[in-house]
């Protein structure tokens, strides 16, 4: 075999190898791409027109009696792309925990429990700080299983980060901790 024929065969083999590698990499990337969340309809302008409105919608959408399906599409419309919900707390043994959830994670893990057991959460105090297009809210809350419950079964603080894009408000992060005997809600967060 002449050197020209051998070089041509080697080039052909290199081109074939590169093409095969490109197809394999492209296929692996497609398989590794995260699934897109379900499409949510456009937000109700009344839900996202102000800080008060979006916080009201946020508490309203997770609240309801046992057996009532929540409007998860409405919840999706409140959150910015890539938003996170982060519960934190303390276990019985004293170890501290934190979970970072996407909106879809929250809907799939917490949603069934809220719908099965009944859950009503409301804001009982707020401290708000604003800079430019961002707002940070320390929103104190209480939670009940039914509206008729004389006392809440839980209280705590939602640390909520919001963004205004010039047309509407978006929830970027909700990071929360529950009140405990060693972690009472300070009085300054219980004022409106």
N, C-alpha and C. Protein backbone atom coordinates (compact mmCIF):
# COMPACT_ATOMS: atom_id res chain seq x y z
N UNK A 1 0.86 -1.17 0.00
CA UNK A 1 0.00 0.00 0.00
C UNK A 1 0.90 1.23 0.00
N UNK A 2 0.59 2.17 -0.85
CA UNK A 2 1.42 3.37 -0.94
C UNK A 2 1.17 4.28 0.25
N UNK A 3 2.13 5.18 0.50
CA UNK A 3 1.99 6.10 1.63
C UNK A 3 0.81 7.04 1.44
N UNK A 4 0.49 7.42 0.21
CA UNK A 4 -0.66 8.30 -0.05
C UNK A 4 -1.94 7.59 0.29
N UNK A 5 -2.07 6.33 -0.08
CA UNK A 5 -3.28 5.55 0.22
C UNK A 5 -3.40 5.38 1.74
N UNK A 6 -2.26 5.07 2.40
CA UNK A 6 -2.30 4.90 3.87
C UNK A 6 -2.71 6.21 4.55
N UNK A 7 -2.16 7.35 4.12
CA UNK A 7 -2.52 8.64 4.73
C UNK A 7 -3.99 8.94 4.50
N UNK A 8 -4.49 8.64 3.35
CA UNK A 8 -5.91 8.87 3.04
C UNK A 8 -6.79 7.99 3.93
N UNK A 9 -6.37 6.74 4.15
CA UNK A 9 -7.14 5.83 5.01
C UNK A 9 -7.11 6.32 6.45
N UNK A 10 -5.94 6.82 6.91
CA UNK A 10 -5.82 7.33 8.27
C UNK A 10 -6.70 8.56 8.45
N UNK A 11 -6.68 9.48 7.48
CA UNK A 11 -7.55 10.67 7.55
C UNK A 11 -9.01 10.25 7.59
N UNK A 12 -9.39 9.32 6.78
CA UNK A 12 -10.78 8.82 6.78
C UNK A 12 -11.16 8.24 8.13
N UNK A 13 -10.23 7.49 8.73
CA UNK A 13 -10.48 6.91 10.04
C UNK A 13 -10.61 8.00 11.11
N UNK A 14 -9.77 9.03 11.02
CA UNK A 14 -9.85 10.14 11.98
C UNK A 14 -11.18 10.87 11.83
N UNK A 15 -11.59 11.16 10.62
CA UNK A 15 -12.87 11.84 10.38
C UNK A 15 -14.02 11.00 10.90
N UNK A 16 -14.00 9.70 10.64
CA UNK A 16 -15.05 8.80 11.12
C UNK A 16 -15.08 8.76 12.64
N UNK A 17 -13.90 8.70 13.27
CA UNK A 17 -13.81 8.68 14.74
C UNK A 17 -14.34 9.99 15.32
N UNK A 18 -13.95 11.13 14.74
CA UNK A 18 -14.45 12.42 15.23
C UNK A 18 -15.96 12.53 15.07
N UNK A 19 -16.48 12.08 13.96
CA UNK A 19 -17.93 12.13 13.72
C UNK A 19 -18.66 11.24 14.72
N UNK A 20 -18.13 10.05 14.96
CA UNK A 20 -18.76 9.14 15.92
C UNK A 20 -18.72 9.73 17.33
N UNK A 21 -17.58 10.34 17.67
CA UNK A 21 -17.45 10.97 18.99
C UNK A 21 -18.44 12.12 19.15
N UNK A 22 -18.58 12.93 18.10
CA UNK A 22 -19.52 14.06 18.15
C UNK A 22 -20.95 13.58 18.35
N UNK A 23 -21.33 12.50 17.66
CA UNK A 23 -22.68 11.94 17.81
C UNK A 23 -22.86 11.41 19.23
N UNK A 24 -21.85 10.71 19.75
CA UNK A 24 -21.96 10.16 21.11
C UNK A 24 -22.06 11.26 22.15
N UNK A 25 -21.23 12.32 22.02
CA UNK A 25 -21.27 13.45 22.95
C UNK A 25 -22.62 14.15 22.87
N UNK A 26 -23.10 14.37 21.66
CA UNK A 26 -24.39 15.03 21.47
C UNK A 26 -25.52 14.20 22.09
N UNK A 27 -25.47 12.89 21.90
CA UNK A 27 -26.49 12.00 22.46
C UNK A 27 -26.43 12.00 23.98
N UNK A 28 -25.22 11.95 24.55
CA UNK A 28 -25.07 11.96 26.01
C UNK A 28 -25.55 13.28 26.59
N UNK A 29 -25.26 14.39 25.91
CA UNK A 29 -25.70 15.70 26.39
C UNK A 29 -27.22 15.78 26.38
N UNK A 30 -27.83 15.25 25.34
CA UNK A 30 -29.30 15.27 25.26
C UNK A 30 -29.91 14.45 26.39
N UNK A 31 -29.28 13.30 26.71
CA UNK A 31 -29.80 12.46 27.78
C UNK A 31 -29.58 13.10 29.14
N UNK A 32 -28.49 13.85 29.31
CA UNK A 32 -28.17 14.46 30.59
C UNK A 32 -28.94 15.75 30.84
N UNK A 33 -29.52 16.32 29.81
CA UNK A 33 -30.25 17.59 29.97
C UNK A 33 -31.43 17.37 30.89
N UNK A 34 -31.63 18.26 31.87
CA UNK A 34 -32.76 18.10 32.78
C UNK A 34 -34.08 18.28 32.04
N UNK A 35 -35.07 17.56 32.52
CA UNK A 35 -36.39 17.67 31.92
C UNK A 35 -36.95 19.06 32.19
N UNK A 36 -37.56 19.63 31.22
CA UNK A 36 -38.17 20.95 31.38
C UNK A 36 -39.38 20.82 32.29
N UNK A 37 -39.59 21.79 33.18
CA UNK A 37 -40.77 21.75 34.03
C UNK A 37 -42.03 21.93 33.18
N UNK A 38 -43.17 21.47 33.70
CA UNK A 38 -44.39 21.67 32.94
C UNK A 38 -44.61 23.15 32.66
N UNK A 39 -45.15 23.44 31.51
CA UNK A 39 -45.41 24.83 31.16
C UNK A 39 -46.53 25.37 32.03
N UNK A 40 -46.32 26.55 32.56
CA UNK A 40 -47.34 27.20 33.37
C UNK A 40 -47.98 28.29 32.53
N UNK A 41 -49.26 28.53 32.73
CA UNK A 41 -49.88 29.64 32.01
C UNK A 41 -49.31 30.96 32.52
N UNK A 42 -49.62 32.02 31.83
CA UNK A 42 -49.17 33.34 32.27
C UNK A 42 -49.77 33.65 33.63
N UNK A 43 -49.03 34.41 34.41
CA UNK A 43 -49.50 34.77 35.76
C UNK A 43 -50.71 35.69 35.67
N UNK A 44 -51.56 35.59 36.66
CA UNK A 44 -52.66 36.54 36.82
C UNK A 44 -52.00 37.86 37.23
N UNK A 45 -52.21 38.94 36.47
CA UNK A 45 -51.56 40.21 36.81
C UNK A 45 -51.84 40.65 38.26
N UNK A 46 -53.00 40.31 38.79
CA UNK A 46 -53.32 40.68 40.17
C UNK A 46 -52.42 39.97 41.18
N UNK A 47 -51.87 38.79 40.81
CA UNK A 47 -50.99 38.04 41.71
C UNK A 47 -49.58 38.59 41.77
N UNK A 48 -49.15 39.33 40.75
CA UNK A 48 -47.74 39.71 40.64
C UNK A 48 -47.51 41.21 40.48
N UNK A 49 -48.53 42.00 40.81
CA UNK A 49 -48.46 43.45 40.57
C UNK A 49 -47.74 44.22 41.68
N UNK A 50 -47.59 43.62 42.85
CA UNK A 50 -46.95 44.29 43.97
C UNK A 50 -46.37 43.25 44.93
N UNK A 51 -45.55 43.71 45.86
CA UNK A 51 -45.01 42.81 46.88
C UNK A 51 -46.15 42.21 47.69
N UNK A 52 -47.11 43.03 48.12
CA UNK A 52 -48.26 42.51 48.87
C UNK A 52 -49.01 41.45 48.07
N UNK A 53 -49.20 41.71 46.78
CA UNK A 53 -49.97 40.79 45.95
C UNK A 53 -49.28 39.44 45.80
N UNK A 54 -47.98 39.44 45.52
CA UNK A 54 -47.30 38.17 45.29
C UNK A 54 -47.15 37.38 46.59
N UNK A 55 -46.96 38.07 47.71
CA UNK A 55 -46.90 37.35 48.99
C UNK A 55 -48.26 36.78 49.35
N UNK A 56 -49.33 37.53 49.09
CA UNK A 56 -50.67 37.02 49.33
C UNK A 56 -50.96 35.79 48.48
N UNK A 57 -50.55 35.84 47.21
CA UNK A 57 -50.76 34.71 46.31
C UNK A 57 -49.94 33.50 46.75
N UNK A 58 -48.71 33.74 47.22
CA UNK A 58 -47.84 32.66 47.67
C UNK A 58 -48.47 31.91 48.85
N UNK A 59 -48.95 32.64 49.84
CA UNK A 59 -49.60 31.99 50.99
C UNK A 59 -50.91 31.33 50.57
N UNK A 60 -51.67 31.99 49.72
CA UNK A 60 -52.98 31.47 49.31
C UNK A 60 -52.86 30.16 48.53
N UNK A 61 -51.87 30.06 47.65
CA UNK A 61 -51.80 28.91 46.74
C UNK A 61 -51.46 27.61 47.47
N UNK A 62 -50.76 27.68 48.60
CA UNK A 62 -50.44 26.45 49.34
C UNK A 62 -51.49 26.11 50.38
N UNK A 63 -52.42 27.03 50.64
CA UNK A 63 -53.41 26.84 51.70
C UNK A 63 -54.71 26.24 51.17
N UNK A 64 -55.32 25.42 52.01
CA UNK A 64 -56.62 24.85 51.66
C UNK A 64 -56.96 23.68 52.56
N UNK A 65 -58.22 23.25 52.55
CA UNK A 65 -58.65 22.16 53.42
C UNK A 65 -58.15 20.80 52.92
N UNK A 66 -58.21 19.81 53.79
CA UNK A 66 -57.87 18.44 53.41
C UNK A 66 -58.75 18.02 52.25
N UNK A 67 -58.13 17.36 51.28
CA UNK A 67 -58.86 16.88 50.12
C UNK A 67 -58.97 17.86 48.98
N UNK A 68 -58.57 19.11 49.19
CA UNK A 68 -58.66 20.11 48.12
C UNK A 68 -57.37 20.15 47.32
N UNK A 69 -57.49 19.97 46.01
CA UNK A 69 -56.35 20.08 45.10
C UNK A 69 -55.90 21.53 45.05
N UNK A 70 -54.61 21.77 45.13
CA UNK A 70 -54.08 23.12 45.04
C UNK A 70 -53.85 23.47 43.57
N UNK A 71 -53.82 24.75 43.27
CA UNK A 71 -53.60 25.22 41.91
C UNK A 71 -52.09 25.37 41.69
N UNK A 72 -51.45 24.26 41.36
CA UNK A 72 -49.99 24.26 41.21
C UNK A 72 -49.55 25.08 40.00
N UNK A 73 -50.39 25.17 38.97
CA UNK A 73 -50.02 26.04 37.85
C UNK A 73 -49.92 27.49 38.31
N UNK A 74 -50.83 27.89 39.18
CA UNK A 74 -50.75 29.25 39.72
C UNK A 74 -49.45 29.44 40.48
N UNK A 75 -49.07 28.44 41.28
CA UNK A 75 -47.82 28.55 42.02
C UNK A 75 -46.64 28.71 41.07
N UNK A 76 -46.61 27.91 40.01
CA UNK A 76 -45.51 27.99 39.04
C UNK A 76 -45.37 29.40 38.48
N UNK A 77 -46.48 30.11 38.29
CA UNK A 77 -46.42 31.44 37.68
C UNK A 77 -45.80 32.49 38.60
N UNK A 78 -45.70 32.20 39.88
CA UNK A 78 -45.17 33.16 40.84
C UNK A 78 -43.64 33.16 40.88
N UNK A 79 -43.02 32.07 40.46
CA UNK A 79 -41.59 31.86 40.66
C UNK A 79 -40.76 32.14 39.42
N UNK A 80 -39.61 32.77 39.62
CA UNK A 80 -38.65 33.01 38.55
C UNK A 80 -38.03 31.69 38.12
N UNK A 81 -37.53 31.65 36.90
CA UNK A 81 -36.82 30.47 36.42
C UNK A 81 -35.62 30.22 37.34
N UNK A 82 -35.46 28.96 37.76
CA UNK A 82 -34.35 28.60 38.64
C UNK A 82 -34.60 28.90 40.11
N UNK A 83 -35.80 29.33 40.46
CA UNK A 83 -36.12 29.66 41.85
C UNK A 83 -35.96 28.44 42.76
N UNK A 84 -35.75 28.70 44.03
CA UNK A 84 -35.56 27.62 45.00
C UNK A 84 -36.42 27.85 46.24
N UNK A 85 -36.84 26.73 46.84
CA UNK A 85 -37.52 26.72 48.13
C UNK A 85 -36.63 25.90 49.05
N UNK A 86 -36.30 26.47 50.22
CA UNK A 86 -35.28 25.85 51.07
C UNK A 86 -35.77 25.76 52.52
N UNK A 87 -36.34 24.60 52.88
CA UNK A 87 -36.69 24.42 54.28
C UNK A 87 -35.44 24.08 55.10
N UNK A 88 -35.39 24.63 56.29
CA UNK A 88 -34.29 24.32 57.19
C UNK A 88 -34.89 24.11 58.58
N UNK A 89 -34.17 23.46 59.43
CA UNK A 89 -34.71 23.21 60.77
C UNK A 89 -33.76 22.38 61.60
N UNK A 90 -34.34 21.77 62.61
CA UNK A 90 -33.55 20.98 63.55
C UNK A 90 -34.29 19.69 63.84
N UNK A 91 -33.57 18.57 63.74
CA UNK A 91 -34.15 17.26 64.05
C UNK A 91 -34.25 17.08 65.56
N UNK A 92 -34.95 16.00 65.96
CA UNK A 92 -35.11 15.68 67.39
C UNK A 92 -33.76 15.51 68.09
N UNK A 93 -32.77 14.98 67.34
CA UNK A 93 -31.45 14.75 67.96
C UNK A 93 -30.57 16.01 67.98
N UNK A 94 -31.11 17.13 67.52
CA UNK A 94 -30.38 18.39 67.56
C UNK A 94 -29.61 18.73 66.30
N UNK A 95 -29.47 17.76 65.38
CA UNK A 95 -28.75 18.07 64.14
C UNK A 95 -29.60 19.01 63.29
N UNK A 96 -28.92 19.86 62.57
CA UNK A 96 -29.60 20.86 61.74
C UNK A 96 -29.68 20.37 60.30
N UNK A 97 -30.78 20.71 59.65
CA UNK A 97 -31.02 20.22 58.30
C UNK A 97 -31.32 21.37 57.35
N UNK A 98 -31.16 21.08 56.06
CA UNK A 98 -31.54 22.02 55.01
C UNK A 98 -31.73 21.20 53.74
N UNK A 99 -32.80 21.51 53.01
CA UNK A 99 -33.04 20.88 51.70
C UNK A 99 -33.25 21.98 50.69
N UNK A 100 -32.66 21.83 49.52
CA UNK A 100 -32.83 22.80 48.45
C UNK A 100 -33.73 22.17 47.40
N UNK A 101 -34.89 22.81 47.17
CA UNK A 101 -35.90 22.26 46.27
C UNK A 101 -36.18 23.21 45.11
N UNK A 102 -36.44 22.64 43.96
CA UNK A 102 -36.99 23.44 42.86
C UNK A 102 -38.49 23.57 43.14
N UNK A 103 -39.16 24.39 42.37
CA UNK A 103 -40.61 24.51 42.52
C UNK A 103 -41.26 23.15 42.25
N UNK A 104 -40.78 22.44 41.24
CA UNK A 104 -41.35 21.12 40.93
C UNK A 104 -41.09 20.12 42.05
N UNK A 105 -39.91 20.17 42.68
CA UNK A 105 -39.62 19.31 43.83
C UNK A 105 -40.62 19.58 44.96
N UNK A 106 -40.86 20.85 45.24
CA UNK A 106 -41.78 21.22 46.31
C UNK A 106 -43.19 20.70 46.01
N UNK A 107 -43.64 20.90 44.78
CA UNK A 107 -44.98 20.45 44.40
C UNK A 107 -45.11 18.94 44.54
N UNK A 108 -44.10 18.20 44.11
CA UNK A 108 -44.20 16.73 44.15
C UNK A 108 -44.00 16.16 45.55
N UNK A 109 -43.22 16.82 46.41
CA UNK A 109 -42.98 16.26 47.75
C UNK A 109 -43.93 16.81 48.81
N UNK A 110 -44.15 18.11 48.81
CA UNK A 110 -45.00 18.73 49.83
C UNK A 110 -46.46 18.79 49.41
N UNK A 111 -46.70 18.92 48.12
CA UNK A 111 -48.06 19.05 47.61
C UNK A 111 -49.02 17.99 48.12
N UNK A 112 -48.69 16.69 47.99
CA UNK A 112 -49.61 15.65 48.45
C UNK A 112 -49.92 15.75 49.95
N UNK A 113 -48.92 16.12 50.77
CA UNK A 113 -49.14 16.25 52.21
C UNK A 113 -50.07 17.41 52.53
N UNK A 114 -49.88 18.55 51.84
CA UNK A 114 -50.75 19.70 52.07
C UNK A 114 -52.20 19.36 51.71
N UNK A 115 -52.37 18.67 50.58
CA UNK A 115 -53.71 18.33 50.11
C UNK A 115 -54.36 17.26 50.98
N UNK A 116 -53.59 16.32 51.46
CA UNK A 116 -54.14 15.23 52.27
C UNK A 116 -54.52 15.68 53.68
N UNK A 117 -53.68 16.49 54.31
CA UNK A 117 -53.87 16.83 55.72
C UNK A 117 -54.58 18.16 55.96
N UNK A 118 -54.70 18.98 54.95
CA UNK A 118 -55.20 20.34 55.16
C UNK A 118 -54.07 21.20 55.69
N UNK A 119 -54.02 22.42 55.21
CA UNK A 119 -52.91 23.30 55.60
C UNK A 119 -53.31 24.72 55.26
N UNK A 120 -53.24 25.57 56.27
CA UNK A 120 -53.51 27.00 56.08
C UNK A 120 -52.35 27.76 56.69
N UNK A 121 -51.64 28.52 55.85
CA UNK A 121 -50.54 29.33 56.35
C UNK A 121 -50.86 30.79 56.06
N UNK A 122 -50.58 31.64 57.04
CA UNK A 122 -50.85 33.07 56.85
C UNK A 122 -49.69 33.86 57.44
N UNK A 123 -49.54 35.06 56.90
CA UNK A 123 -48.51 35.96 57.39
C UNK A 123 -48.99 36.63 58.67
N UNK A 124 -48.11 36.66 59.70
CA UNK A 124 -48.47 37.29 60.97
C UNK A 124 -47.55 38.47 61.30
N UNK A 125 -46.60 38.75 60.44
CA UNK A 125 -45.70 39.88 60.63
C UNK A 125 -44.74 39.96 59.46
N UNK A 126 -44.19 41.16 59.25
CA UNK A 126 -43.30 41.33 58.09
C UNK A 126 -42.30 42.45 58.32
N UNK A 127 -41.06 42.20 57.88
CA UNK A 127 -40.04 43.23 57.78
C UNK A 127 -39.51 43.17 56.35
N UNK A 128 -39.53 44.31 55.67
CA UNK A 128 -39.16 44.36 54.25
C UNK A 128 -37.99 45.31 54.04
N UNK A 129 -37.04 44.87 53.23
CA UNK A 129 -35.92 45.72 52.82
C UNK A 129 -35.86 45.71 51.30
N UNK A 130 -35.61 46.90 50.72
CA UNK A 130 -35.62 47.06 49.27
C UNK A 130 -34.36 47.76 48.80
N UNK A 131 -33.84 47.28 47.68
CA UNK A 131 -32.74 47.95 47.02
C UNK A 131 -32.90 47.73 45.52
N UNK A 132 -33.09 48.80 44.78
CA UNK A 132 -33.26 48.68 43.33
C UNK A 132 -34.42 47.76 43.00
N UNK A 133 -34.13 46.74 42.19
CA UNK A 133 -35.17 45.83 41.74
C UNK A 133 -35.35 44.61 42.65
N UNK A 134 -34.61 44.57 43.78
CA UNK A 134 -34.72 43.41 44.67
C UNK A 134 -35.35 43.79 46.00
N UNK A 135 -36.08 42.84 46.55
CA UNK A 135 -36.72 43.01 47.85
C UNK A 135 -36.47 41.75 48.67
N UNK A 136 -36.14 41.96 49.94
CA UNK A 136 -36.01 40.86 50.88
C UNK A 136 -37.08 41.03 51.95
N UNK A 137 -37.86 39.98 52.17
CA UNK A 137 -38.94 40.02 53.15
C UNK A 137 -38.70 38.94 54.19
N UNK A 138 -38.69 39.32 55.47
CA UNK A 138 -38.78 38.36 56.56
C UNK A 138 -40.27 38.32 56.90
N UNK A 139 -40.92 37.24 56.49
CA UNK A 139 -42.36 37.10 56.64
C UNK A 139 -42.65 36.05 57.71
N UNK A 140 -43.05 36.52 58.90
CA UNK A 140 -43.41 35.59 59.97
C UNK A 140 -44.76 34.96 59.62
N UNK A 141 -44.90 33.66 59.93
CA UNK A 141 -46.13 32.95 59.57
C UNK A 141 -46.60 32.07 60.71
N UNK A 142 -47.88 31.69 60.63
CA UNK A 142 -48.37 30.59 61.44
C UNK A 142 -49.12 29.63 60.53
N UNK A 143 -49.18 28.36 60.95
CA UNK A 143 -49.78 27.29 60.15
C UNK A 143 -50.80 26.53 60.97
N UNK A 144 -51.95 26.26 60.35
CA UNK A 144 -53.02 25.47 60.97
C UNK A 144 -53.46 24.39 59.99
N UNK A 145 -54.08 23.34 60.52
CA UNK A 145 -54.64 22.29 59.67
C UNK A 145 -56.02 22.70 59.14
N UNK A 146 -56.77 23.42 59.96
CA UNK A 146 -58.07 23.96 59.54
C UNK A 146 -58.16 25.40 60.01
N UNK A 147 -58.99 26.18 59.37
CA UNK A 147 -59.16 27.57 59.80
C UNK A 147 -59.77 27.67 61.19
N UNK A 148 -60.50 26.62 61.60
CA UNK A 148 -61.15 26.63 62.91
C UNK A 148 -60.23 26.25 64.06
N UNK A 149 -59.02 25.78 63.76
CA UNK A 149 -58.09 25.40 64.83
C UNK A 149 -57.85 26.60 65.74
N UNK A 150 -57.97 26.42 67.06
CA UNK A 150 -57.78 27.56 67.96
C UNK A 150 -56.33 28.05 68.01
N UNK A 151 -55.38 27.15 67.83
CA UNK A 151 -53.96 27.52 67.88
C UNK A 151 -53.23 26.93 66.67
N UNK A 152 -52.22 27.63 66.18
CA UNK A 152 -51.42 27.06 65.08
C UNK A 152 -50.58 25.88 65.59
N UNK A 153 -50.30 24.93 64.71
CA UNK A 153 -49.41 23.83 65.08
C UNK A 153 -47.96 24.20 64.82
N UNK A 154 -47.75 25.31 64.09
CA UNK A 154 -46.38 25.72 63.77
C UNK A 154 -46.35 27.21 63.46
N UNK A 155 -45.22 27.83 63.81
CA UNK A 155 -44.94 29.21 63.41
C UNK A 155 -43.49 29.26 62.96
N UNK A 156 -43.14 30.31 62.24
CA UNK A 156 -41.77 30.44 61.80
C UNK A 156 -41.58 31.69 60.96
N UNK A 157 -40.48 31.73 60.24
CA UNK A 157 -40.19 32.86 59.36
C UNK A 157 -39.80 32.34 57.99
N UNK A 158 -40.44 32.91 56.97
CA UNK A 158 -40.06 32.72 55.58
C UNK A 158 -39.17 33.89 55.19
N UNK A 159 -37.95 33.60 54.79
CA UNK A 159 -37.06 34.62 54.23
C UNK A 159 -37.28 34.55 52.72
N UNK A 160 -37.92 35.58 52.17
CA UNK A 160 -38.35 35.56 50.78
C UNK A 160 -37.60 36.64 49.99
N UNK A 161 -36.98 36.22 48.90
CA UNK A 161 -36.31 37.16 48.00
C UNK A 161 -37.19 37.32 46.76
N UNK A 162 -37.42 38.57 46.40
CA UNK A 162 -38.27 38.90 45.26
C UNK A 162 -37.50 39.77 44.28
N UNK A 163 -37.93 39.72 43.03
CA UNK A 163 -37.31 40.55 41.99
C UNK A 163 -38.41 41.16 41.14
N UNK A 164 -38.21 42.43 40.77
CA UNK A 164 -39.13 43.08 39.84
C UNK A 164 -38.39 43.27 38.53
N UNK A 165 -38.95 42.75 37.44
CA UNK A 165 -38.29 42.85 36.13
C UNK A 165 -38.76 44.06 35.33
N UNK A 166 -39.48 44.95 35.97
CA UNK A 166 -40.00 46.14 35.30
C UNK A 166 -41.45 45.99 34.88
N UNK A 167 -41.94 44.75 34.86
CA UNK A 167 -43.34 44.52 34.50
C UNK A 167 -44.11 43.77 35.58
N UNK A 168 -43.39 43.01 36.41
CA UNK A 168 -44.06 42.21 37.44
C UNK A 168 -43.05 41.76 38.49
N UNK A 169 -43.57 41.20 39.59
CA UNK A 169 -42.75 40.65 40.67
C UNK A 169 -42.59 39.15 40.48
N UNK A 170 -41.43 38.63 40.90
CA UNK A 170 -41.11 37.20 40.85
C UNK A 170 -40.57 36.76 42.21
N UNK A 171 -40.93 35.57 42.65
CA UNK A 171 -40.30 34.96 43.82
C UNK A 171 -39.02 34.27 43.33
N UNK A 172 -37.89 34.59 43.95
CA UNK A 172 -36.62 33.99 43.57
C UNK A 172 -36.24 32.88 44.56
N UNK A 173 -36.44 33.14 45.85
CA UNK A 173 -36.10 32.17 46.89
C UNK A 173 -37.07 32.29 48.06
N UNK A 174 -37.45 31.14 48.61
CA UNK A 174 -38.15 31.10 49.89
C UNK A 174 -37.32 30.16 50.77
N UNK A 175 -36.77 30.72 51.86
CA UNK A 175 -35.87 30.00 52.77
C UNK A 175 -36.49 30.12 54.15
N UNK A 176 -36.84 29.01 54.80
CA UNK A 176 -37.59 29.14 56.05
C UNK A 176 -37.10 28.24 57.16
N UNK A 177 -37.44 28.68 58.38
CA UNK A 177 -37.15 27.93 59.59
C UNK A 177 -38.35 28.08 60.52
N UNK A 178 -38.60 27.03 61.30
CA UNK A 178 -39.74 27.02 62.21
C UNK A 178 -39.33 27.51 63.60
N UNK A 179 -40.31 28.05 64.29
CA UNK A 179 -40.10 28.48 65.67
C UNK A 179 -40.01 27.24 66.56
N UNK A 180 -39.10 27.29 67.53
CA UNK A 180 -38.93 26.24 68.53
C UNK A 180 -38.70 26.91 69.87
N UNK A 181 -38.69 26.15 70.93
CA UNK A 181 -38.46 26.73 72.26
C UNK A 181 -37.14 27.48 72.29
N UNK A 182 -36.12 26.94 71.62
CA UNK A 182 -34.81 27.60 71.60
C UNK A 182 -34.65 28.55 70.41
N UNK A 183 -35.73 28.76 69.67
CA UNK A 183 -35.67 29.61 68.47
C UNK A 183 -36.99 30.38 68.32
N UNK A 184 -37.32 31.23 69.31
CA UNK A 184 -38.59 31.98 69.23
C UNK A 184 -38.50 33.08 68.17
N UNK A 185 -39.65 33.43 67.61
CA UNK A 185 -39.68 34.52 66.65
C UNK A 185 -39.48 35.83 67.42
N UNK A 186 -38.47 36.61 67.05
CA UNK A 186 -38.28 37.91 67.72
C UNK A 186 -39.48 38.83 67.48
N UNK A 187 -39.81 39.63 68.47
CA UNK A 187 -40.98 40.52 68.40
C UNK A 187 -40.92 41.46 67.19
N UNK A 188 -39.72 41.88 66.79
CA UNK A 188 -39.61 42.82 65.68
C UNK A 188 -40.12 42.25 64.37
N UNK A 189 -40.20 40.90 64.25
CA UNK A 189 -40.71 40.29 63.04
C UNK A 189 -42.21 40.01 63.09
N UNK A 190 -42.81 40.29 64.22
CA UNK A 190 -44.25 40.06 64.37
C UNK A 190 -45.06 41.33 64.14
N UNK A 191 -44.39 42.42 63.79
CA UNK A 191 -45.09 43.68 63.47
C UNK A 191 -45.32 43.75 61.97
N UNK A 192 -46.31 44.51 61.59
CA UNK A 192 -46.56 44.73 60.17
C UNK A 192 -46.09 46.09 59.77
